[in-house]
Amino acid sequence: MIDEDIRTRIFAVHPQAGLSLNMAREIKERHGCVCSPHEDVQVRLPVSGQAPREFNVTQPLREACETIVPKIVEGVRESLGRFDPEFQESIIRQIVLSGGGGQLKGLDQALEQALSTYGEVRVTRATDTLFAGATGALRLAMSMPQEMWNGIRQAEQNSAAAPADERLDAA
């Protein structure tokens, strides 16, 4: 989503620039941030029929990367509301960023600031942002009580036993 937004925003400012979705992803991974950059982001891009040239993509890159913050904040608020109130304060101090978006510079501080109305918020980055989600899911699965596994197994059996049109409607 961010890669496509970067591409669209760069084209809006520099319509002559040649930029594939993969190139936008590479720019994001190398320079992406949700903070005020310390220096301009200059990238060399091809121009149709001409030699490649340098383009300042600082503003469109930052704006595209910032679009993820409200969505994450909304997700955190929704998730937090599902937890027992007794544990919410502890949970908000243990947010860990992982996945590709977790690599964006300044995302941790932006989330801490956006969630500051909850009190002390601590957002840290996983050591290995790309595989941390899988590791976390494995740890969660290993700590689940047997009753939860039985509930999952029962839901799967109910789903498999449902007529095909009901399964399609549910999807």
C-alpha atoms as a PDB file:
ATOM      1  CA  MET A   1       0.000   0.000   0.000  1.00  0.00           C
ATOM      2  CA  ILE A   2       2.747   2.442   0.934  1.00  0.00           C
ATOM      3  CA  ASP A   3       4.800   1.535  -2.142  1.00  0.00           C
ATOM      4  CA  GLU A   4       1.905   2.352  -4.475  1.00  0.00           C
ATOM      5  CA  ASP A   5       1.238   5.593  -2.585  1.00  0.00           C
ATOM      6  CA  ILE A   6       4.914   6.587  -2.879  1.00  0.00           C
ATOM      7  CA  ARG A   7       4.777   5.947  -6.600  1.00  0.00           C
ATOM      8  CA  THR A   8       1.576   7.981  -7.046  1.00  0.00           C
ATOM      9  CA  ARG A   9       2.896  10.904  -5.000  1.00  0.00           C
ATOM     10  CA  ILE A  10       6.250  10.984  -6.808  1.00  0.00           C
ATOM     11  CA  PHE A  11       4.472  10.948 -10.185  1.00  0.00           C
ATOM     12  CA  ALA A  12       2.313  13.866  -9.022  1.00  0.00           C
ATOM     13  CA  VAL A  13       5.425  15.948  -8.306  1.00  0.00           C
ATOM     14  CA  HIS A  14       7.718  14.512 -11.000  1.00  0.00           C
ATOM     15  CA  PRO A  15       5.534  13.156 -13.841  1.00  0.00           C
ATOM     16  CA  GLN A  16       8.575  12.665 -16.086  1.00  0.00           C
ATOM     17  CA  ALA A  17      10.260  10.247 -13.653  1.00  0.00           C
ATOM     18  CA  GLY A  18      10.306   6.560 -14.458  1.00  0.00           C
ATOM     19  CA  LEU A  19       9.403   4.602 -11.341  1.00  0.00           C
ATOM     20  CA  SER A  20       8.232   1.010 -10.960  1.00  0.00           C
ATOM     21  CA  LEU A  21       6.521  -0.361  -7.871  1.00  0.00           C
ATOM     22  CA  ASN A  22       9.682  -2.303  -7.039  1.00  0.00           C
ATOM     23  CA  MET A  23      11.766   0.891  -7.294  1.00  0.00           C
ATOM     24  CA  ALA A  24       9.316   2.661  -4.957  1.00  0.00           C
ATOM     25  CA  ARG A  25       9.685  -0.196  -2.450  1.00  0.00           C
ATOM     26  CA  GLU A  26      13.477   0.081  -2.609  1.00  0.00           C
ATOM     27  CA  ILE A  27      13.291   3.844  -2.010  1.00  0.00           C
ATOM     28  CA  LYS A  28      10.988   3.251   0.981  1.00  0.00           C
ATOM     29  CA  GLU A  29      13.257   0.582   2.453  1.00  0.00           C
ATOM     30  CA  ARG A  30      16.341   2.743   2.100  1.00  0.00           C
ATOM     31  CA  HIS A  31      14.951   6.204   2.977  1.00  0.00           C
ATOM     32  CA  GLY A  32      11.421   5.737   4.398  1.00  0.00           C
ATOM     33  CA  CYS A  33      10.566   7.636   7.549  1.00  0.00           C
ATOM     34  CA  VAL A  34       7.601   9.096   9.387  1.00  0.00           C
ATOM     35  CA  CYS A  35       9.575  11.955  10.841  1.00  0.00           C
ATOM     36  CA  SER A  36      11.116  15.142   9.579  1.00  0.00           C
ATOM     37  CA  PRO A  37      14.098  13.931   7.608  1.00  0.00           C
ATOM     38  CA  HIS A  38      17.475  15.337   8.538  1.00  0.00           C
ATOM     39  CA  GLU A  39      18.382  15.764   4.898  1.00  0.00           C
ATOM     40  CA  ASP A  40      16.682  15.722   1.525  1.00  0.00           C
ATOM     41  CA  VAL A  41      16.137  12.379  -0.154  1.00  0.00           C
ATOM     42  CA  GLN A  42      17.574  12.539  -3.656  1.00  0.00           C
ATOM     43  CA  VAL A  43      17.132   9.513  -5.892  1.00  0.00           C
ATOM     44  CA  ARG A  44      18.352   8.843  -9.391  1.00  0.00           C
ATOM     45  CA  LEU A  45      15.480   7.839 -11.673  1.00  0.00           C
ATOM     46  CA  PRO A  46      15.207   7.226 -15.396  1.00  0.00           C
ATOM     47  CA  VAL A  47      13.483   9.794 -17.591  1.00  0.00           C
ATOM     48  CA  SER A  48      11.819   8.627 -20.783  1.00  0.00           C
ATOM     49  CA  GLY A  49      14.192   9.087 -23.703  1.00  0.00           C
ATOM     50  CA  GLN A  50      16.773  10.935 -21.609  1.00  0.00           C
ATOM     51  CA  ALA A  51      19.580  10.130 -19.228  1.00  0.00           C
ATOM     52  CA  PRO A  52      18.568   9.345 -15.618  1.00  0.00           C
ATOM     53  CA  ARG A  53      18.597  12.318 -13.270  1.00  0.00           C
ATOM     54  CA  GLU A  54      18.313  13.183  -9.606  1.00  0.00           C
ATOM     55  CA  PHE A  55      14.871  13.882  -8.117  1.00  0.00           C
ATOM     56  CA  ASN A  56      14.044  15.225  -4.671  1.00  0.00           C
ATOM     57  CA  VAL A  57      11.438  12.802  -3.291  1.00  0.00           C
ATOM     58  CA  THR A  58      11.623  13.879   0.359  1.00  0.00           C
ATOM     59  CA  GLN A  59       8.089  15.246   0.699  1.00  0.00           C
ATOM     60  CA  PRO A  60       6.125  12.599  -1.253  1.00  0.00           C
ATOM     61  CA  LEU A  61       8.081   9.810   0.459  1.00  0.00           C
ATOM     62  CA  ARG A  62       7.434  11.145   3.964  1.00  0.00           C
ATOM     63  CA  GLU A  63       3.754  11.817   3.263  1.00  0.00           C
ATOM     64  CA  ALA A  64       3.214   8.302   1.918  1.00  0.00           C
ATOM     65  CA  CYS A  65       5.030   6.704   4.847  1.00  0.00           C
ATOM     66  CA  GLU A  66       3.021   8.748   7.366  1.00  0.00           C
ATOM     67  CA  THR A  67      -0.255   7.308   6.057  1.00  0.00           C
ATOM     68  CA  ILE A  68       0.413   4.131   8.009  1.00  0.00           C
ATOM     69  CA  VAL A  69       0.417   5.850  11.426  1.00  0.00           C
ATOM     70  CA  PRO A  70      -3.350   6.528  11.833  1.00  0.00           C
ATOM     71  CA  LYS A  71      -4.170   2.997  10.686  1.00  0.00           C
ATOM     72  CA  ILE A  72      -1.799   1.429  13.196  1.00  0.00           C
ATOM     73  CA  VAL A  73      -3.085   3.712  15.979  1.00  0.00           C
ATOM     74  CA  GLU A  74      -6.657   2.723  15.173  1.00  0.00           C
ATOM     75  CA  GLY A  75      -5.689  -0.961  15.235  1.00  0.00           C
ATOM     76  CA  VAL A  76      -3.908  -0.583  18.580  1.00  0.00           C
ATOM     77  CA  ARG A  77      -6.922   1.207  20.091  1.00  0.00           C
ATOM     78  CA  GLU A  78      -9.325  -1.460  18.838  1.00  0.00           C
ATOM     79  CA  SER A  79      -7.096  -4.275  20.071  1.00  0.00           C
ATOM     80  CA  LEU A  80      -6.526  -2.626  23.428  1.00  0.00           C
ATOM     81  CA  GLY A  81     -10.282  -2.312  23.945  1.00  0.00           C
ATOM     82  CA  ARG A  82     -10.612  -6.101  23.693  1.00  0.00           C
ATOM     83  CA  PHE A  83      -8.262  -6.708  26.616  1.00  0.00           C
ATOM     84  CA  ASP A  84      -9.249  -6.820  30.241  1.00  0.00           C
ATOM     85  CA  PRO A  85      -8.934  -3.248  31.611  1.00  0.00           C
ATOM     86  CA  GLU A  86      -6.613  -4.578  34.281  1.00  0.00           C
ATOM     87  CA  PHE A  87      -3.966  -5.392  31.660  1.00  0.00           C
ATOM     88  CA  GLN A  88      -4.360  -2.459  29.258  1.00  0.00           C
ATOM     89  CA  GLU A  89      -1.789  -0.249  30.966  1.00  0.00           C
ATOM     90  CA  SER A  90       0.798  -3.025  30.840  1.00  0.00           C
ATOM     91  CA  ILE A  91       0.023  -3.818  27.205  1.00  0.00           C
ATOM     92  CA  ILE A  92       0.372  -0.217  25.994  1.00  0.00           C
ATOM     93  CA  ARG A  93       3.909  -0.215  27.410  1.00  0.00           C
ATOM     94  CA  GLN A  94       4.897  -3.325  25.446  1.00  0.00           C
ATOM     95  CA  ILE A  95       4.179  -2.562  21.792  1.00  0.00           C
ATOM     96  CA  VAL A  96       6.692  -4.178  19.451  1.00  0.00           C
ATOM     97  CA  LEU A  97       7.008  -3.167  15.801  1.00  0.00           C
ATOM     98  CA  SER A  98       7.665  -5.909  13.317  1.00  0.00           C
ATOM     99  CA  GLY A  99       7.171  -6.614   9.629  1.00  0.00           C
ATOM    100  CA  GLY A 100       8.216  -4.432   6.735  1.00  0.00           C
ATOM    101  CA  GLY A 101       6.539  -1.277   8.079  1.00  0.00           C
ATOM    102  CA  GLY A 102       8.398  -1.712  11.347  1.00  0.00           C
ATOM    103  CA  GLN A 103      11.555  -0.661   9.519  1.00  0.00           C
ATOM    104  CA  LEU A 104      10.310   2.891   8.875  1.00  0.00           C
ATOM    105  CA  LYS A 105      12.481   5.382  10.723  1.00  0.00           C
ATOM    106  CA  GLY A 106      10.618   7.322  13.397  1.00  0.00           C
ATOM    107  CA  LEU A 107       7.554   5.047  13.413  1.00  0.00           C
ATOM    108  CA  ASP A 108       8.144   4.087  17.041  1.00  0.00           C
ATOM    109  CA  GLN A 109       8.214   7.736  18.187  1.00  0.00           C
ATOM    110  CA  ALA A 110       5.219   8.660  16.010  1.00  0.00           C
ATOM    111  CA  LEU A 111       3.149   5.883  17.574  1.00  0.00           C
ATOM    112  CA  GLU A 112       4.235   6.780  21.097  1.00  0.00           C
ATOM    113  CA  GLN A 113       3.185  10.377  20.473  1.00  0.00           C
ATOM    114  CA  ALA A 114      -0.135   9.430  18.846  1.00  0.00           C
ATOM    115  CA  LEU A 115      -1.000   7.083  21.726  1.00  0.00           C
ATOM    116  CA  SER A 116       0.271   9.363  24.512  1.00  0.00           C
ATOM    117  CA  THR A 117      -3.285   9.981  25.784  1.00  0.00           C
ATOM    118  CA  TYR A 118      -3.098   6.463  27.273  1.00  0.00           C
ATOM    119  CA  GLY A 119      -0.229   7.481  29.547  1.00  0.00           C
ATOM    120  CA  GLU A 120       3.206   5.965  29.332  1.00  0.00           C
ATOM    121  CA  VAL A 121       3.526   4.232  25.952  1.00  0.00           C
ATOM    122  CA  ARG A 122       6.589   2.240  24.933  1.00  0.00           C
ATOM    123  CA  VAL A 123       7.084   1.158  21.348  1.00  0.00           C
ATOM    124  CA  THR A 124      10.179  -0.834  20.449  1.00  0.00           C
ATOM    125  CA  ARG A 125      11.376  -2.503  17.290  1.00  0.00           C
ATOM    126  CA  ALA A 126      11.779  -6.232  17.007  1.00  0.00           C
ATOM    127  CA  THR A 127      15.370  -7.304  16.528  1.00  0.00           C
ATOM    128  CA  ASP A 128      14.442  -8.950  13.243  1.00  0.00           C
ATOM    129  CA  THR A 129      11.390  -7.055  12.017  1.00  0.00           C
ATOM    130  CA  LEU A 130      10.725  -9.368   9.088  1.00  0.00           C
ATOM    131  CA  PHE A 131      10.468 -12.628  11.087  1.00  0.00           C
ATOM    132  CA  ALA A 132       9.246 -11.300  14.442  1.00  0.00           C
ATOM    133  CA  GLY A 133       5.577 -11.764  13.533  1.00  0.00           C
ATOM    134  CA  ALA A 134       6.094 -15.457  12.933  1.00  0.00           C
ATOM    135  CA  THR A 135       8.095 -15.801  16.143  1.00  0.00           C
ATOM    136  CA  GLY A 136       5.392 -13.998  18.130  1.00  0.00           C
ATOM    137  CA  ALA A 137       2.642 -16.152  16.642  1.00  0.00           C
ATOM    138  CA  LEU A 138       4.597 -19.284  17.544  1.00  0.00           C
ATOM    139  CA  ARG A 139       5.093 -18.104  21.140  1.00  0.00           C
ATOM    140  CA  LEU A 140       1.404 -17.246  21.417  1.00  0.00           C
ATOM    141  CA  ALA A 141       0.404 -20.626  20.031  1.00  0.00           C
ATOM    142  CA  MET A 142       2.726 -22.427  22.433  1.00  0.00           C
ATOM    143  CA  SER A 143       1.213 -20.626  25.429  1.00  0.00           C
ATOM    144  CA  MET A 144      -2.442 -21.155  24.440  1.00  0.00           C
ATOM    145  CA  PRO A 145      -4.403 -23.391  26.814  1.00  0.00           C
ATOM    146  CA  GLN A 146      -5.823 -26.640  25.443  1.00  0.00           C
ATOM    147  CA  GLU A 147      -9.414 -25.291  25.592  1.00  0.00           C
ATOM    148  CA  MET A 148      -8.559 -22.617  23.030  1.00  0.00           C
ATOM    149  CA  TRP A 149      -7.068 -25.219  20.687  1.00  0.00           C
ATOM    150  CA  ASN A 150     -10.221 -27.307  21.109  1.00  0.00           C
ATOM    151  CA  GLY A 151     -12.307 -24.236  20.193  1.00  0.00           C
ATOM    152  CA  ILE A 152     -10.240 -23.652  17.059  1.00  0.00           C
ATOM    153  CA  ARG A 153     -10.501 -27.301  16.080  1.00  0.00           C
ATOM    154  CA  GLN A 154     -14.294 -27.204  16.586  1.00  0.00           C
ATOM    155  CA  ALA A 155     -14.633 -24.012  14.496  1.00  0.00           C
ATOM    156  CA  GLU A 156     -12.646 -25.651  11.686  1.00  0.00           C
ATOM    157  CA  GLN A 157     -14.838 -28.742  11.794  1.00  0.00           C
ATOM    158  CA  ASN A 158     -18.016 -26.625  11.748  1.00  0.00           C
ATOM    159  CA  SER A 159     -16.678 -24.668   8.787  1.00  0.00           C
ATOM    160  CA  ALA A 160     -15.754 -27.812   6.863  1.00  0.00           C
ATOM    161  CA  ALA A 161     -19.177 -29.327   7.552  1.00  0.00           C
ATOM    162  CA  ALA A 162     -21.053 -26.235   6.310  1.00  0.00           C
ATOM    163  CA  PRO A 163     -22.481 -26.346   2.773  1.00  0.00           C
ATOM    164  CA  ALA A 164     -20.209 -24.801   0.121  1.00  0.00           C
ATOM    165  CA  ASP A 165     -22.482 -21.736  -0.420  1.00  0.00           C
ATOM    166  CA  GLU A 166     -22.370 -20.898   3.313  1.00  0.00           C
ATOM    167  CA  ARG A 167     -18.573 -21.118   3.283  1.00  0.00           C
ATOM    168  CA  LEU A 168     -18.482 -18.761   0.281  1.00  0.00           C
ATOM    169  CA  ASP A 169     -20.863 -16.330   1.993  1.00  0.00           C
ATOM    170  CA  ALA A 170     -18.675 -16.348   5.103  1.00  0.00           C
ATOM    171  CA  ALA A 171     -15.586 -15.599   3.047  1.00  0.00           C
END
